[in-house]
């Protein structure tokens, strides 16, 4: 199963001089999508953080198929892949509604579930079973 969401309009200041979305901004879109997804699952990220938990990014990549221009209506989807005891990956796609659902960008991020210890160091931990079960539904 995949999770889909409309993307909030991208501000004008996020575009480069050529009127194209700045390349680093795509990862902000995917971060927003992850937060919406976790909230949808019943695991709002602020609550994970309050419990000393984080999903750190170990790897990331993206492929640009078409430029995103200011004012385009965009939709994104994510899918969970390679779900393991302490880590997993998300695969993402951004679609432009104005271009008949054409994929404009693909990306992936690999995450480790970590706990913050008393020395402010991250320790890789097992994904809680209730979160793991919810993630399984989107593989």
Foldseek 3Di string as FASTA:
>chain_A
DKDKDWFDADDQVQADPVQFGDPVCVVVRVVVVVQVVCVVLVRHPVVCVVQQKDWDWPDKDKDFDATDGHPFTKMKMWFWAPDDFFKTKIKMFIATVVVVRDTGMIMMTITGMWGQDPVRDTDGDTDPPSVSVSNVVRD
